[in-house]
N, C-alpha and C. Protein backbone atom coordinates (compact mmCIF):
# COMPACT_ATOMS: atom_id res chain seq x y z
N MET A 1 -5.78 -6.53 18.10
CA MET A 1 -5.19 -5.47 17.09
C MET A 1 -6.36 -4.45 16.63
N SER A 2 -5.90 -3.30 16.65
CA SER A 2 -6.94 -2.09 16.44
C SER A 2 -7.69 -2.22 15.01
N GLU A 3 -9.01 -1.95 15.14
CA GLU A 3 -9.66 -1.99 13.82
C GLU A 3 -10.04 -0.35 13.30
N ARG A 4 -9.06 0.38 13.57
CA ARG A 4 -9.10 1.97 13.12
C ARG A 4 -9.37 2.02 11.71
N TRP A 5 -9.01 0.85 10.83
CA TRP A 5 -9.30 0.78 9.36
C TRP A 5 -10.45 1.11 9.25
N ARG A 6 -11.36 0.61 9.76
CA ARG A 6 -13.04 0.83 9.77
C ARG A 6 -13.33 2.18 9.63
N ASP A 7 -12.80 2.95 9.98
CA ASP A 7 -13.02 4.49 9.89
C ASP A 7 -12.66 5.06 8.65
N LEU A 8 -11.90 4.37 7.67
CA LEU A 8 -11.36 5.19 6.48
C LEU A 8 -12.28 5.08 5.57
N ARG A 9 -12.43 6.08 4.76
CA ARG A 9 -13.40 6.28 3.52
C ARG A 9 -12.91 6.62 2.34
N LEU A 10 -13.67 6.43 1.15
CA LEU A 10 -13.00 6.80 0.08
C LEU A 10 -12.34 8.07 -0.20
N GLY A 11 -11.13 8.29 -0.82
CA GLY A 11 -10.57 9.53 -0.77
C GLY A 11 -9.56 9.90 0.23
N ASP A 12 -9.68 9.09 1.26
CA ASP A 12 -8.79 9.36 2.41
C ASP A 12 -7.48 8.92 2.13
N ARG A 13 -6.30 9.64 2.89
CA ARG A 13 -4.90 9.41 2.18
C ARG A 13 -4.12 8.74 3.11
N VAL A 14 -3.47 7.62 2.88
CA VAL A 14 -2.73 6.90 3.69
C VAL A 14 -1.25 6.94 3.42
N ARG A 15 -0.40 6.28 4.16
CA ARG A 15 0.91 6.12 3.82
C ARG A 15 1.32 4.94 4.52
N ILE A 16 1.64 3.88 4.07
CA ILE A 16 2.19 2.47 4.58
C ILE A 16 3.64 2.98 5.30
N MET A 17 3.36 2.60 6.68
CA MET A 17 4.49 3.08 7.50
C MET A 17 5.52 1.68 8.01
N ARG A 18 4.84 0.46 8.23
CA ARG A 18 5.41 -0.81 8.52
C ARG A 18 4.69 -2.00 8.05
N LEU A 19 5.29 -3.26 8.19
CA LEU A 19 4.56 -4.36 7.72
C LEU A 19 3.79 -4.50 9.02
N PRO A 20 2.49 -5.17 8.45
CA PRO A 20 1.46 -5.36 9.32
C PRO A 20 2.01 -6.37 10.71
N SER A 21 1.54 -5.73 12.15
CA SER A 21 1.79 -6.50 13.16
C SER A 21 1.50 -8.09 12.99
N GLY A 22 2.53 -8.87 13.58
CA GLY A 22 2.17 -10.49 13.27
C GLY A 22 2.58 -11.16 12.05
N VAL A 23 2.93 -10.38 11.12
CA VAL A 23 3.38 -11.26 9.91
C VAL A 23 4.44 -12.24 10.19
N ASP A 24 5.18 -12.24 11.06
CA ASP A 24 6.35 -13.01 11.09
C ASP A 24 6.25 -14.18 12.29
N GLN A 25 4.78 -14.28 12.96
CA GLN A 25 4.76 -15.28 14.04
C GLN A 25 4.34 -16.23 13.22
N LEU A 26 4.61 -17.49 13.77
CA LEU A 26 4.48 -18.86 13.43
C LEU A 26 3.22 -19.01 13.00
N GLY A 27 2.61 -19.33 11.90
CA GLY A 27 1.32 -19.95 11.45
C GLY A 27 0.94 -18.73 10.49
N TYR A 28 1.43 -17.54 10.54
CA TYR A 28 0.98 -16.55 9.78
C TYR A 28 1.30 -16.70 8.29
N THR A 29 0.38 -16.58 7.35
CA THR A 29 0.88 -16.57 5.85
C THR A 29 0.69 -15.28 5.48
N PHE A 30 1.91 -14.87 4.89
CA PHE A 30 2.18 -13.50 4.21
C PHE A 30 3.01 -14.07 3.01
N ALA A 31 2.60 -13.68 1.91
CA ALA A 31 3.03 -14.29 0.75
C ALA A 31 4.54 -13.24 0.55
N PRO A 32 5.32 -13.82 0.07
CA PRO A 32 6.75 -13.06 -0.27
C PRO A 32 6.43 -11.90 -1.22
N SER A 33 5.57 -11.97 -2.12
CA SER A 33 5.39 -10.86 -3.06
C SER A 33 4.54 -9.91 -2.48
N THR A 34 3.77 -10.26 -1.56
CA THR A 34 3.26 -9.05 -0.62
C THR A 34 3.99 -8.31 0.32
N ARG A 35 4.91 -9.21 0.63
CA ARG A 35 6.05 -8.38 1.68
C ARG A 35 6.81 -7.62 1.10
N ARG A 36 7.35 -7.89 -0.41
CA ARG A 36 7.93 -7.15 -1.29
C ARG A 36 7.24 -5.95 -1.55
N LEU A 37 5.96 -5.98 -1.65
CA LEU A 37 5.05 -4.66 -2.10
C LEU A 37 5.10 -3.94 -0.79
N TYR A 38 4.71 -4.36 0.30
CA TYR A 38 4.85 -3.58 1.50
C TYR A 38 6.25 -2.75 1.57
N GLU A 39 7.12 -3.66 1.63
CA GLU A 39 8.44 -2.91 1.53
C GLU A 39 8.73 -1.69 0.32
N ARG A 40 8.48 -2.00 -0.47
CA ARG A 40 8.60 -0.86 -1.40
C ARG A 40 7.65 0.25 -1.20
N LEU A 41 6.56 0.06 -0.87
CA LEU A 41 5.72 1.15 -0.13
C LEU A 41 6.08 2.08 1.03
N ILE A 42 6.55 1.19 2.01
CA ILE A 42 7.34 1.68 3.12
C ILE A 42 8.35 2.44 2.76
N ALA A 43 9.33 1.96 1.77
CA ALA A 43 10.59 2.96 1.49
C ALA A 43 10.13 3.93 0.54
N SER A 44 9.08 3.93 -0.28
CA SER A 44 8.96 5.05 -0.93
C SER A 44 8.39 6.23 -0.55
N GLY A 45 7.69 6.24 1.02
CA GLY A 45 7.09 7.30 1.65
C GLY A 45 6.03 7.80 1.08
N LYS A 46 5.63 7.03 0.08
CA LYS A 46 4.79 7.93 -0.82
C LYS A 46 3.13 7.75 -0.01
N THR A 47 2.05 8.71 -0.72
CA THR A 47 0.68 8.80 -0.11
C THR A 47 -0.14 8.18 -0.96
N PHE A 48 -1.01 7.32 -0.65
CA PHE A 48 -1.98 6.53 -1.66
C PHE A 48 -3.58 6.89 -1.03
N SER A 49 -4.48 7.15 -2.09
CA SER A 49 -5.67 7.21 -1.60
C SER A 49 -6.38 6.05 -1.23
N ILE A 50 -7.34 5.86 -0.61
CA ILE A 50 -8.10 5.02 -0.54
C ILE A 50 -9.15 4.86 -2.02
N ARG A 51 -9.18 4.07 -2.85
CA ARG A 51 -9.79 3.86 -4.15
C ARG A 51 -10.91 3.16 -4.14
N GLU A 52 -11.29 2.44 -2.95
CA GLU A 52 -12.36 0.93 -3.03
C GLU A 52 -12.60 0.91 -1.57
N ILE A 53 -14.09 0.69 -1.35
CA ILE A 53 -14.15 -0.08 -0.05
C ILE A 53 -14.94 -1.66 -0.50
N ASP A 54 -14.34 -2.49 -0.44
CA ASP A 54 -14.83 -3.78 -0.90
C ASP A 54 -16.02 -4.49 -0.31
N GLN A 55 -16.67 -5.40 -0.82
CA GLN A 55 -17.77 -5.88 -0.34
C GLN A 55 -17.80 -6.32 1.20
N TRP A 56 -16.38 -6.57 1.55
CA TRP A 56 -16.19 -7.01 3.17
C TRP A 56 -16.05 -5.85 3.88
N GLY A 57 -16.15 -4.56 3.10
CA GLY A 57 -15.72 -3.58 4.01
C GLY A 57 -14.28 -2.98 4.34
N TYR A 58 -13.41 -3.75 3.44
CA TYR A 58 -12.08 -3.58 3.83
C TYR A 58 -11.65 -2.29 2.90
N PRO A 59 -10.97 -1.25 3.15
CA PRO A 59 -10.71 0.02 2.17
C PRO A 59 -9.12 -0.59 1.51
N ARG A 60 -9.24 -0.30 0.33
CA ARG A 60 -8.05 -0.65 -0.70
C ARG A 60 -7.44 0.46 -1.37
N ILE A 61 -6.18 0.34 -1.28
CA ILE A 61 -5.57 1.40 -2.47
C ILE A 61 -5.00 0.18 -3.63
N HIS A 62 -4.99 0.94 -4.71
CA HIS A 62 -4.60 0.47 -6.01
C HIS A 62 -3.02 1.00 -6.10
N VAL A 63 -2.17 0.12 -6.79
CA VAL A 63 -0.87 0.42 -7.31
C VAL A 63 -0.63 -0.44 -8.52
N VAL A 64 -0.27 0.52 -9.35
CA VAL A 64 0.28 -0.20 -10.80
C VAL A 64 1.76 -0.12 -11.01
N ALA A 65 2.18 -1.25 -11.14
CA ALA A 65 3.68 -1.42 -11.06
C ALA A 65 4.08 -1.92 -12.68
N ARG A 66 5.00 -1.13 -13.15
CA ARG A 66 5.97 -1.52 -14.61
C ARG A 66 7.07 -2.25 -13.98
N ARG A 67 7.00 -3.39 -14.50
CA ARG A 67 8.35 -4.20 -14.33
C ARG A 67 9.53 -3.91 -15.32
N LYS A 68 10.47 -3.83 -14.97
CA LYS A 68 11.73 -3.47 -15.85
C LYS A 68 11.75 -4.03 -17.00
N ARG A 69 11.52 -5.38 -16.90
CA ARG A 69 11.35 -6.22 -18.35
C ARG A 69 10.05 -7.20 -18.39
N GLY A 70 9.07 -6.60 -18.90
CA GLY A 70 7.79 -7.41 -18.66
C GLY A 70 6.51 -6.57 -18.40
N PRO A 71 5.52 -7.24 -18.20
CA PRO A 71 4.15 -6.59 -18.25
C PRO A 71 3.78 -5.52 -16.98
N VAL A 72 2.78 -4.63 -17.10
CA VAL A 72 2.39 -4.04 -15.92
C VAL A 72 1.75 -4.68 -15.02
N VAL A 73 1.95 -4.55 -13.71
CA VAL A 73 1.36 -5.56 -12.86
C VAL A 73 0.31 -4.61 -11.95
N HIS A 74 -0.76 -5.12 -11.62
CA HIS A 74 -1.91 -4.32 -10.96
C HIS A 74 -1.87 -5.05 -9.70
N HIS A 75 -1.75 -4.21 -8.64
CA HIS A 75 -1.80 -4.48 -7.26
C HIS A 75 -3.08 -3.83 -6.36
N THR A 76 -3.54 -4.60 -5.92
CA THR A 76 -4.72 -3.99 -4.98
C THR A 76 -4.45 -4.49 -3.48
N LEU A 77 -4.49 -3.52 -2.50
CA LEU A 77 -3.92 -3.97 -1.15
C LEU A 77 -4.74 -3.62 0.01
N ALA A 78 -5.62 -4.53 0.44
CA ALA A 78 -6.74 -4.27 1.69
C ALA A 78 -5.82 -3.67 2.82
N LEU A 79 -6.42 -2.69 3.41
CA LEU A 79 -5.69 -2.14 4.89
C LEU A 79 -6.61 -2.46 5.94
N SER A 80 -6.43 -3.87 6.27
CA SER A 80 -7.37 -4.24 7.49
C SER A 80 -6.22 -4.57 8.43
N ASP A 81 -5.30 -3.72 8.55
CA ASP A 81 -4.04 -3.87 9.77
C ASP A 81 -3.64 -2.66 10.11
N ASP A 82 -2.68 -2.76 10.91
CA ASP A 82 -1.85 -1.45 11.37
C ASP A 82 -0.75 -0.88 10.56
N SER A 83 -0.67 -1.29 9.46
CA SER A 83 0.66 -0.89 8.67
C SER A 83 0.72 0.51 7.93
N TRP A 84 -0.60 1.10 8.45
CA TRP A 84 -0.60 2.69 7.53
C TRP A 84 -0.74 3.81 8.78
N GLU A 85 -0.70 4.77 8.17
CA GLU A 85 -1.11 6.06 9.09
C GLU A 85 -1.97 7.04 8.07
N LYS A 86 -2.92 7.57 8.74
CA LYS A 86 -3.60 8.55 7.80
C LYS A 86 -2.98 9.94 7.71
N VAL A 87 -3.00 10.25 6.58
CA VAL A 87 -2.39 11.41 6.16
C VAL A 87 -3.39 12.69 6.02
N PRO A 88 -3.35 13.75 7.12
CA PRO A 88 -4.37 14.80 6.87
C PRO A 88 -4.30 15.44 5.30
N THR A 89 -5.58 15.81 5.11
CA THR A 89 -5.46 16.20 3.74
C THR A 89 -4.81 17.95 3.42
N ASP A 90 -4.71 18.40 4.47
CA ASP A 90 -4.23 19.76 4.48
C ASP A 90 -2.73 19.75 4.90
N ASP A 91 -2.17 18.28 5.15
CA ASP A 91 -0.53 18.19 4.94
C ASP A 91 -0.12 18.31 3.82
N PRO A 92 1.07 19.13 3.63
CA PRO A 92 1.56 19.39 2.06
C PRO A 92 1.89 18.03 1.69
N SER A 93 2.43 17.00 2.48
CA SER A 93 2.88 15.63 1.86
C SER A 93 1.51 14.97 1.54
N ALA A 94 0.39 15.27 1.65
CA ALA A 94 -0.73 14.45 1.48
C ALA A 94 -0.88 14.33 -0.14
N THR A 95 -0.02 14.97 -0.82
CA THR A 95 -0.34 14.90 -2.52
C THR A 95 -0.24 13.50 -2.88
N VAL A 96 -1.06 12.97 -3.48
CA VAL A 96 -1.14 11.36 -3.72
C VAL A 96 0.25 11.22 -4.79
N SER A 97 1.00 10.44 -4.57
CA SER A 97 2.10 10.32 -5.41
C SER A 97 1.88 9.48 -6.66
N PRO A 98 2.30 9.77 -7.84
CA PRO A 98 2.08 8.76 -8.90
C PRO A 98 3.01 7.62 -9.11
N ALA A 99 4.25 7.55 -8.05
CA ALA A 99 5.37 6.60 -8.31
C ALA A 99 5.85 6.27 -7.04
N ILE A 100 6.37 4.70 -7.14
CA ILE A 100 7.32 4.43 -6.20
C ILE A 100 8.41 3.62 -6.85
N ASP A 101 9.65 3.54 -6.33
CA ASP A 101 10.73 3.30 -6.95
C ASP A 101 11.44 2.01 -6.00
N GLY A 102 11.29 0.94 -6.69
CA GLY A 102 11.43 -0.40 -5.88
C GLY A 102 13.03 -0.92 -6.37
N GLY A 103 13.60 -0.04 -6.95
CA GLY A 103 15.10 -0.22 -7.35
C GLY A 103 15.24 -0.93 -8.72
N ALA A 104 16.63 -0.91 -9.17
CA ALA A 104 16.95 -1.32 -10.34
C ALA A 104 16.48 -3.02 -10.56
N ASP A 105 16.45 -3.83 -9.62
CA ASP A 105 16.40 -5.12 -9.81
C ASP A 105 14.86 -5.47 -9.34
N SER A 106 14.16 -4.47 -8.91
CA SER A 106 12.66 -4.56 -8.56
C SER A 106 11.86 -5.10 -9.67
N PRO A 107 10.99 -6.09 -9.16
CA PRO A 107 10.10 -6.49 -10.30
C PRO A 107 8.89 -5.53 -10.28
N ALA A 108 8.85 -4.55 -9.45
CA ALA A 108 7.70 -3.49 -9.66
C ALA A 108 8.43 -2.29 -9.62
N CYS A 109 9.10 -1.91 -10.55
CA CYS A 109 9.74 -0.62 -10.81
C CYS A 109 9.62 0.15 -11.93
N PRO A 110 9.13 1.32 -12.41
CA PRO A 110 8.77 2.35 -11.34
C PRO A 110 7.00 1.79 -11.24
N ALA A 111 6.22 2.50 -10.29
CA ALA A 111 4.76 2.10 -10.20
C ALA A 111 4.24 3.17 -9.90
N ARG A 112 3.05 3.37 -10.23
CA ARG A 112 2.21 4.34 -10.02
C ARG A 112 0.72 4.04 -9.50
N GLU A 113 0.14 5.07 -8.66
CA GLU A 113 -1.09 4.70 -8.13
C GLU A 113 -2.16 4.78 -9.33
N GLU A 114 -3.12 3.78 -9.40
CA GLU A 114 -4.26 3.64 -10.63
C GLU A 114 -5.18 4.77 -10.37
């Protein structure tokens, strides 16, 4: 797997395009809640900023989701995989979006970047 994620810097803009490679392989642990988050981010087509580089060097995006009935849920997603595409800052679609819509039954609907 490519490690192009190592080139991401704070403020870079990315769009989640697909599930990470290998998540359906035998022995790969991929939590159902993480799969749902990826699926919502993919479906939204929204752009997110790299908000943090953690202590291990992983670039992270932050998403805040408001449940239909319940509390706000904070998600931090490390992008150490091939699920994303970098969006050039001069691209009109590079505007960081404040919301994703996971649908009426979604536990994370609507959401906004933190």
